[in-house]
N, C-alpha and C. Protein backbone atom coordinates (compact mmCIF):
# COMPACT_ATOMS: atom_id res chain seq x y z
N MET A 1 0.83 -1.21 0.00
CA MET A 1 0.00 0.00 0.00
C MET A 1 0.86 1.26 0.00
N ARG A 2 1.99 1.23 0.72
CA ARG A 2 2.86 2.41 0.82
C ARG A 2 3.32 2.91 -0.55
N GLU A 3 3.75 1.97 -1.42
CA GLU A 3 4.27 2.41 -2.71
C GLU A 3 3.17 2.98 -3.61
N GLY A 4 1.95 2.52 -3.42
CA GLY A 4 0.84 3.02 -4.22
C GLY A 4 0.23 4.30 -3.68
N LEU A 5 0.69 4.72 -2.50
CA LEU A 5 0.11 5.90 -1.86
C LEU A 5 0.28 7.16 -2.71
N LEU A 6 1.40 7.27 -3.41
CA LEU A 6 1.64 8.45 -4.25
C LEU A 6 0.73 8.48 -5.47
N ILE A 7 0.15 7.34 -5.80
CA ILE A 7 -0.82 7.29 -6.90
C ILE A 7 -2.24 7.43 -6.36
N ILE A 8 -2.53 6.75 -5.25
CA ILE A 8 -3.88 6.70 -4.70
C ILE A 8 -4.33 8.06 -4.17
N LEU A 9 -3.49 8.72 -3.38
CA LEU A 9 -3.91 10.00 -2.79
C LEU A 9 -4.25 11.07 -3.83
N PRO A 10 -3.45 11.24 -4.88
CA PRO A 10 -3.86 12.21 -5.91
C PRO A 10 -5.16 11.82 -6.62
N LEU A 11 -5.38 10.51 -6.80
CA LEU A 11 -6.64 10.08 -7.41
C LEU A 11 -7.83 10.38 -6.50
N ILE A 12 -7.64 10.16 -5.20
CA ILE A 12 -8.70 10.48 -4.25
C ILE A 12 -8.95 11.99 -4.23
N ALA A 13 -7.87 12.77 -4.28
CA ALA A 13 -8.02 14.23 -4.32
C ALA A 13 -8.76 14.66 -5.59
N LEU A 14 -8.45 14.00 -6.72
CA LEU A 14 -9.12 14.32 -7.97
C LEU A 14 -10.61 13.96 -7.90
N THR A 15 -10.93 12.84 -7.27
CA THR A 15 -12.33 12.46 -7.06
C THR A 15 -13.04 13.52 -6.24
N SER A 16 -12.40 13.95 -5.15
CA SER A 16 -12.99 14.98 -4.29
C SER A 16 -13.16 16.30 -5.03
N LEU A 17 -12.19 16.64 -5.85
CA LEU A 17 -12.28 17.86 -6.64
C LEU A 17 -13.44 17.79 -7.63
N CYS A 18 -13.60 16.65 -8.30
CA CYS A 18 -14.72 16.48 -9.23
C CYS A 18 -16.05 16.55 -8.49
N ASP A 19 -16.11 15.96 -7.29
CA ASP A 19 -17.34 16.04 -6.48
C ASP A 19 -17.65 17.49 -6.12
N THR A 20 -16.62 18.26 -5.79
CA THR A 20 -16.81 19.66 -5.43
C THR A 20 -17.32 20.46 -6.63
N ILE A 21 -16.72 20.25 -7.79
CA ILE A 21 -17.16 20.94 -9.00
C ILE A 21 -18.61 20.56 -9.31
N ASN A 22 -18.93 19.28 -9.15
CA ASN A 22 -20.30 18.81 -9.33
C ASN A 22 -21.24 19.59 -8.43
N GLN A 23 -20.91 19.70 -7.15
CA GLN A 23 -21.79 20.41 -6.21
C GLN A 23 -21.92 21.89 -6.56
N LEU A 24 -20.85 22.51 -7.04
CA LEU A 24 -20.91 23.91 -7.44
C LEU A 24 -21.86 24.11 -8.63
N PHE A 25 -21.79 23.20 -9.61
CA PHE A 25 -22.70 23.29 -10.75
C PHE A 25 -24.14 23.06 -10.32
N LEU A 26 -24.38 22.07 -9.45
CA LEU A 26 -25.75 21.80 -9.00
C LEU A 26 -26.30 22.98 -8.22
N LYS A 27 -25.49 23.54 -7.32
CA LYS A 27 -25.93 24.69 -6.53
C LYS A 27 -26.24 25.87 -7.44
N SER A 28 -25.39 26.10 -8.41
CA SER A 28 -25.60 27.19 -9.35
C SER A 28 -26.89 27.00 -10.15
N ALA A 29 -27.15 25.78 -10.59
CA ALA A 29 -28.37 25.50 -11.35
C ALA A 29 -29.60 25.72 -10.50
N VAL A 30 -29.59 25.23 -9.28
CA VAL A 30 -30.76 25.37 -8.40
C VAL A 30 -30.96 26.82 -8.01
N ASP A 31 -29.87 27.53 -7.72
CA ASP A 31 -29.99 28.93 -7.31
C ASP A 31 -30.48 29.85 -8.42
N SER A 32 -30.37 29.40 -9.65
CA SER A 32 -30.82 30.24 -10.77
C SER A 32 -32.34 30.20 -10.94
N LEU A 33 -33.00 29.35 -10.18
CA LEU A 33 -34.46 29.22 -10.25
C LEU A 33 -35.10 29.71 -8.96
N THR A 34 -36.38 30.01 -9.04
CA THR A 34 -37.12 30.35 -7.83
C THR A 34 -38.12 29.24 -7.54
N PHE A 35 -38.22 28.92 -6.27
CA PHE A 35 -39.13 27.87 -5.84
C PHE A 35 -39.66 28.28 -4.48
N ALA A 36 -40.80 28.94 -4.48
CA ALA A 36 -41.33 29.53 -3.25
C ALA A 36 -42.68 28.91 -2.89
N PRO A 37 -43.00 28.91 -1.61
CA PRO A 37 -44.31 28.41 -1.18
C PRO A 37 -45.42 29.28 -1.74
N PRO A 38 -46.60 28.80 -1.82
CA PRO A 38 -47.04 27.47 -1.42
C PRO A 38 -46.66 26.43 -2.48
N PHE A 39 -46.26 25.25 -2.01
CA PHE A 39 -45.84 24.18 -2.91
C PHE A 39 -47.04 23.33 -3.31
N ASN A 40 -47.06 22.97 -4.57
CA ASN A 40 -48.07 22.02 -5.05
C ASN A 40 -47.43 21.19 -6.14
N ILE A 41 -48.10 20.17 -6.57
CA ILE A 41 -47.53 19.22 -7.52
C ILE A 41 -47.17 19.88 -8.84
N ILE A 42 -47.95 20.84 -9.28
CA ILE A 42 -47.66 21.51 -10.55
C ILE A 42 -46.40 22.35 -10.43
N LYS A 43 -46.25 23.07 -9.32
CA LYS A 43 -45.04 23.88 -9.11
C LYS A 43 -43.80 22.99 -9.01
N ILE A 44 -43.94 21.84 -8.39
CA ILE A 44 -42.81 20.91 -8.26
C ILE A 44 -42.38 20.40 -9.63
N PHE A 45 -43.35 19.98 -10.45
CA PHE A 45 -43.00 19.50 -11.79
C PHE A 45 -42.44 20.62 -12.67
N LYS A 46 -42.97 21.81 -12.52
CA LYS A 46 -42.44 22.95 -13.29
C LYS A 46 -40.98 23.22 -12.88
N PHE A 47 -40.71 23.19 -11.57
CA PHE A 47 -39.35 23.40 -11.07
C PHE A 47 -38.41 22.33 -11.62
N ILE A 48 -38.83 21.08 -11.58
CA ILE A 48 -38.00 19.98 -12.08
C ILE A 48 -37.73 20.14 -13.57
N PHE A 49 -38.76 20.49 -14.34
CA PHE A 49 -38.56 20.68 -15.77
C PHE A 49 -37.59 21.83 -16.04
N GLN A 50 -37.76 22.95 -15.34
CA GLN A 50 -36.85 24.09 -15.52
C GLN A 50 -35.41 23.69 -15.15
N LEU A 51 -35.28 22.87 -14.14
CA LEU A 51 -33.96 22.41 -13.72
C LEU A 51 -33.33 21.49 -14.77
N LEU A 52 -34.13 20.62 -15.35
CA LEU A 52 -33.61 19.65 -16.32
C LEU A 52 -33.10 20.30 -17.60
N VAL A 53 -33.52 21.51 -17.89
CA VAL A 53 -33.04 22.18 -19.11
C VAL A 53 -31.84 23.09 -18.83
N LYS A 54 -31.37 23.10 -17.60
CA LYS A 54 -30.20 23.90 -17.25
C LYS A 54 -28.92 23.14 -17.61
N PRO A 55 -28.07 23.70 -18.47
CA PRO A 55 -26.81 23.03 -18.80
C PRO A 55 -25.92 22.78 -17.57
N ARG A 56 -26.01 23.69 -16.59
CA ARG A 56 -25.19 23.52 -15.38
C ARG A 56 -25.54 22.24 -14.63
N LEU A 57 -26.79 21.86 -14.65
CA LEU A 57 -27.20 20.61 -14.02
C LEU A 57 -26.50 19.43 -14.69
N TRP A 58 -26.49 19.44 -16.01
CA TRP A 58 -25.89 18.34 -16.76
C TRP A 58 -24.37 18.34 -16.63
N LEU A 59 -23.77 19.52 -16.54
CA LEU A 59 -22.32 19.57 -16.29
C LEU A 59 -22.00 18.97 -14.93
N GLY A 60 -22.86 19.25 -13.95
CA GLY A 60 -22.68 18.63 -12.64
C GLY A 60 -22.73 17.12 -12.73
N PHE A 61 -23.68 16.60 -13.50
CA PHE A 61 -23.77 15.15 -13.68
C PHE A 61 -22.53 14.58 -14.36
N VAL A 62 -21.98 15.32 -15.32
CA VAL A 62 -20.77 14.87 -16.01
C VAL A 62 -19.62 14.73 -15.00
N PHE A 63 -19.46 15.74 -14.15
CA PHE A 63 -18.40 15.65 -13.15
C PHE A 63 -18.66 14.54 -12.14
N SER A 64 -19.90 14.26 -11.88
CA SER A 64 -20.25 13.16 -10.99
C SER A 64 -19.85 11.82 -11.61
N VAL A 65 -20.07 11.65 -12.89
CA VAL A 65 -19.69 10.41 -13.58
C VAL A 65 -18.17 10.28 -13.63
N ILE A 66 -17.48 11.39 -13.90
CA ILE A 66 -16.01 11.36 -13.91
C ILE A 66 -15.50 10.95 -12.53
N SER A 67 -16.08 11.52 -11.49
CA SER A 67 -15.70 11.19 -10.12
C SER A 67 -15.92 9.71 -9.84
N LEU A 68 -17.04 9.19 -10.28
CA LEU A 68 -17.35 7.78 -10.07
C LEU A 68 -16.32 6.89 -10.76
N CYS A 69 -15.95 7.22 -11.97
CA CYS A 69 -14.96 6.42 -12.70
C CYS A 69 -13.61 6.41 -11.99
N ILE A 70 -13.18 7.58 -11.53
CA ILE A 70 -11.91 7.66 -10.80
C ILE A 70 -12.02 6.88 -9.49
N TRP A 71 -13.16 7.01 -8.82
CA TRP A 71 -13.37 6.32 -7.55
C TRP A 71 -13.29 4.81 -7.73
N LEU A 72 -13.80 4.29 -8.82
CA LEU A 72 -13.72 2.85 -9.08
C LEU A 72 -12.27 2.40 -9.25
N VAL A 73 -11.46 3.24 -9.88
CA VAL A 73 -10.03 2.93 -9.99
C VAL A 73 -9.40 2.92 -8.60
N VAL A 74 -9.74 3.93 -7.78
CA VAL A 74 -9.22 3.98 -6.41
C VAL A 74 -9.59 2.72 -5.64
N LEU A 75 -10.85 2.32 -5.74
CA LEU A 75 -11.30 1.13 -5.01
C LEU A 75 -10.60 -0.14 -5.47
N SER A 76 -10.18 -0.16 -6.73
CA SER A 76 -9.48 -1.35 -7.23
C SER A 76 -8.04 -1.41 -6.72
N LYS A 77 -7.51 -0.28 -6.22
CA LYS A 77 -6.11 -0.22 -5.81
C LYS A 77 -5.91 -0.05 -4.30
N ALA A 78 -6.93 0.37 -3.57
CA ALA A 78 -6.75 0.70 -2.16
C ALA A 78 -7.78 -0.02 -1.29
N GLU A 79 -7.46 -0.12 -0.03
CA GLU A 79 -8.42 -0.67 0.93
C GLU A 79 -9.56 0.32 1.10
N LEU A 80 -10.77 -0.21 1.23
CA LEU A 80 -11.95 0.64 1.34
C LEU A 80 -11.86 1.57 2.55
N ASN A 81 -11.41 1.06 3.68
CA ASN A 81 -11.33 1.86 4.89
C ASN A 81 -10.43 3.08 4.68
N PHE A 82 -9.29 2.86 4.06
CA PHE A 82 -8.37 3.97 3.79
C PHE A 82 -8.96 4.93 2.77
N ALA A 83 -9.46 4.39 1.65
CA ALA A 83 -9.95 5.23 0.57
C ALA A 83 -11.13 6.10 1.02
N PHE A 84 -12.05 5.49 1.73
CA PHE A 84 -13.24 6.24 2.15
C PHE A 84 -12.87 7.31 3.17
N SER A 85 -11.95 7.01 4.06
CA SER A 85 -11.51 8.01 5.04
C SER A 85 -10.79 9.17 4.36
N ALA A 86 -9.90 8.84 3.43
CA ALA A 86 -9.16 9.89 2.73
C ALA A 86 -10.07 10.70 1.82
N ASP A 87 -11.18 10.12 1.40
CA ASP A 87 -12.12 10.84 0.54
C ASP A 87 -12.79 11.99 1.29
N SER A 88 -12.54 12.10 2.58
CA SER A 88 -13.05 13.23 3.35
C SER A 88 -12.47 14.55 2.88
N MET A 89 -11.50 14.49 1.95
CA MET A 89 -10.93 15.71 1.38
C MET A 89 -12.02 16.59 0.76
N HIS A 90 -13.13 15.97 0.33
CA HIS A 90 -14.16 16.79 -0.30
C HIS A 90 -14.76 17.78 0.69
N TYR A 91 -14.73 17.49 1.98
CA TYR A 91 -15.19 18.47 2.97
C TYR A 91 -14.31 19.72 2.94
N ILE A 92 -13.02 19.52 2.76
CA ILE A 92 -12.08 20.63 2.69
C ILE A 92 -12.35 21.45 1.42
N PHE A 93 -12.47 20.75 0.30
CA PHE A 93 -12.70 21.43 -0.97
C PHE A 93 -14.03 22.19 -0.97
N ILE A 94 -15.06 21.59 -0.37
CA ILE A 94 -16.37 22.24 -0.32
C ILE A 94 -16.30 23.50 0.54
N ALA A 95 -15.61 23.42 1.68
CA ALA A 95 -15.48 24.61 2.54
C ALA A 95 -14.76 25.73 1.79
N LEU A 96 -13.68 25.39 1.10
CA LEU A 96 -12.93 26.40 0.34
C LEU A 96 -13.77 26.97 -0.81
N ALA A 97 -14.46 26.09 -1.53
CA ALA A 97 -15.29 26.56 -2.65
C ALA A 97 -16.46 27.40 -2.16
N SER A 98 -17.04 27.00 -1.04
CA SER A 98 -18.16 27.78 -0.48
C SER A 98 -17.70 29.19 -0.16
N ARG A 99 -16.53 29.29 0.43
CA ARG A 99 -16.01 30.60 0.85
C ARG A 99 -15.58 31.46 -0.33
N PHE A 100 -14.77 30.86 -1.23
CA PHE A 100 -14.12 31.67 -2.25
C PHE A 100 -14.85 31.71 -3.59
N VAL A 101 -15.63 30.70 -3.91
CA VAL A 101 -16.37 30.70 -5.17
C VAL A 101 -17.79 31.22 -4.96
N LEU A 102 -18.48 30.68 -3.96
CA LEU A 102 -19.86 31.08 -3.70
C LEU A 102 -19.97 32.29 -2.78
N LYS A 103 -18.84 32.70 -2.21
CA LYS A 103 -18.81 33.86 -1.30
C LYS A 103 -19.71 33.66 -0.07
N GLU A 104 -19.83 32.42 0.38
CA GLU A 104 -20.61 32.14 1.59
C GLU A 104 -19.76 32.39 2.82
N LYS A 105 -20.41 32.69 3.92
CA LYS A 105 -19.69 32.88 5.18
C LYS A 105 -19.40 31.51 5.79
N VAL A 106 -18.14 31.27 6.08
CA VAL A 106 -17.73 30.03 6.74
C VAL A 106 -17.21 30.42 8.12
N THR A 107 -17.85 29.91 9.15
CA THR A 107 -17.53 30.31 10.51
C THR A 107 -16.19 29.74 10.97
N SER A 108 -15.66 30.32 12.03
CA SER A 108 -14.40 29.84 12.61
C SER A 108 -14.52 28.40 13.07
N LEU A 109 -15.66 28.06 13.63
CA LEU A 109 -15.87 26.69 14.10
C LEU A 109 -15.84 25.70 12.93
N ARG A 110 -16.40 26.11 11.80
CA ARG A 110 -16.37 25.24 10.62
C ARG A 110 -14.94 25.10 10.09
N TRP A 111 -14.16 26.20 10.12
CA TRP A 111 -12.75 26.10 9.70
C TRP A 111 -11.98 25.19 10.64
N LEU A 112 -12.27 25.25 11.94
CA LEU A 112 -11.63 24.37 12.90
C LEU A 112 -11.96 22.91 12.57
N GLY A 113 -13.22 22.63 12.30
CA GLY A 113 -13.62 21.28 11.92
C GLY A 113 -12.93 20.81 10.65
N THR A 114 -12.81 21.71 9.69
CA THR A 114 -12.12 21.38 8.45
C THR A 114 -10.64 21.08 8.72
N GLY A 115 -10.04 21.86 9.62
CA GLY A 115 -8.65 21.59 10.00
C GLY A 115 -8.49 20.23 10.67
N LEU A 116 -9.45 19.86 11.48
CA LEU A 116 -9.40 18.54 12.12
C LEU A 116 -9.54 17.43 11.09
N ILE A 117 -10.30 17.67 10.05
CA ILE A 117 -10.40 16.68 8.97
C ILE A 117 -9.04 16.51 8.30
N VAL A 118 -8.33 17.63 8.08
CA VAL A 118 -7.00 17.56 7.48
C VAL A 118 -6.08 16.71 8.36
N VAL A 119 -6.12 16.96 9.67
CA VAL A 119 -5.29 16.18 10.60
C VAL A 119 -5.66 14.70 10.50
N GLY A 120 -6.95 14.40 10.45
CA GLY A 120 -7.39 13.02 10.34
C GLY A 120 -6.90 12.35 9.06
N ILE A 121 -6.96 13.07 7.94
CA ILE A 121 -6.49 12.50 6.67
C ILE A 121 -5.00 12.21 6.74
N VAL A 122 -4.23 13.12 7.35
CA VAL A 122 -2.78 12.89 7.50
C VAL A 122 -2.54 11.66 8.37
N LEU A 123 -3.25 11.53 9.47
CA LEU A 123 -3.07 10.36 10.34
C LEU A 123 -3.43 9.06 9.62
N ILE A 124 -4.49 9.08 8.85
CA ILE A 124 -4.90 7.89 8.10
C ILE A 124 -3.84 7.55 7.05
N SER A 125 -3.30 8.57 6.40
CA SER A 125 -2.28 8.34 5.37
C SER A 125 -1.01 7.74 5.95
N LEU A 126 -0.72 8.07 7.20
CA LEU A 126 0.49 7.54 7.83
C LEU A 126 0.32 6.13 8.37
N SER A 127 -0.93 5.69 8.49
CA SER A 127 -1.15 4.36 9.08
C SER A 127 -1.07 3.25 8.06
């Protein structure tokens, strides 16, 4: 496992990056629409139809498929326990993308939690 670590970790990071890009496209697609109460079946179907014609939604799906393909390669080369734990990198990428791409407020407590995830990934990588 040690010798493959230099291959596995970048692949896991790439999977997490693709997942993050996927989430950014999905969030962008959903945010471009309005969906306000009162909710009824017609409004729900109208919202879904409007969402399905958004190219950003489909780009998100493309990145999701790319992520899945890379993840399957990772699973073929690494132990599931290690790979799934290291895949927590997407929490880091999401926090960074939320702050710098979406301009969302990320609290100090959330940054602390993200830092603890980094520590956990390092500990898992060393084991």
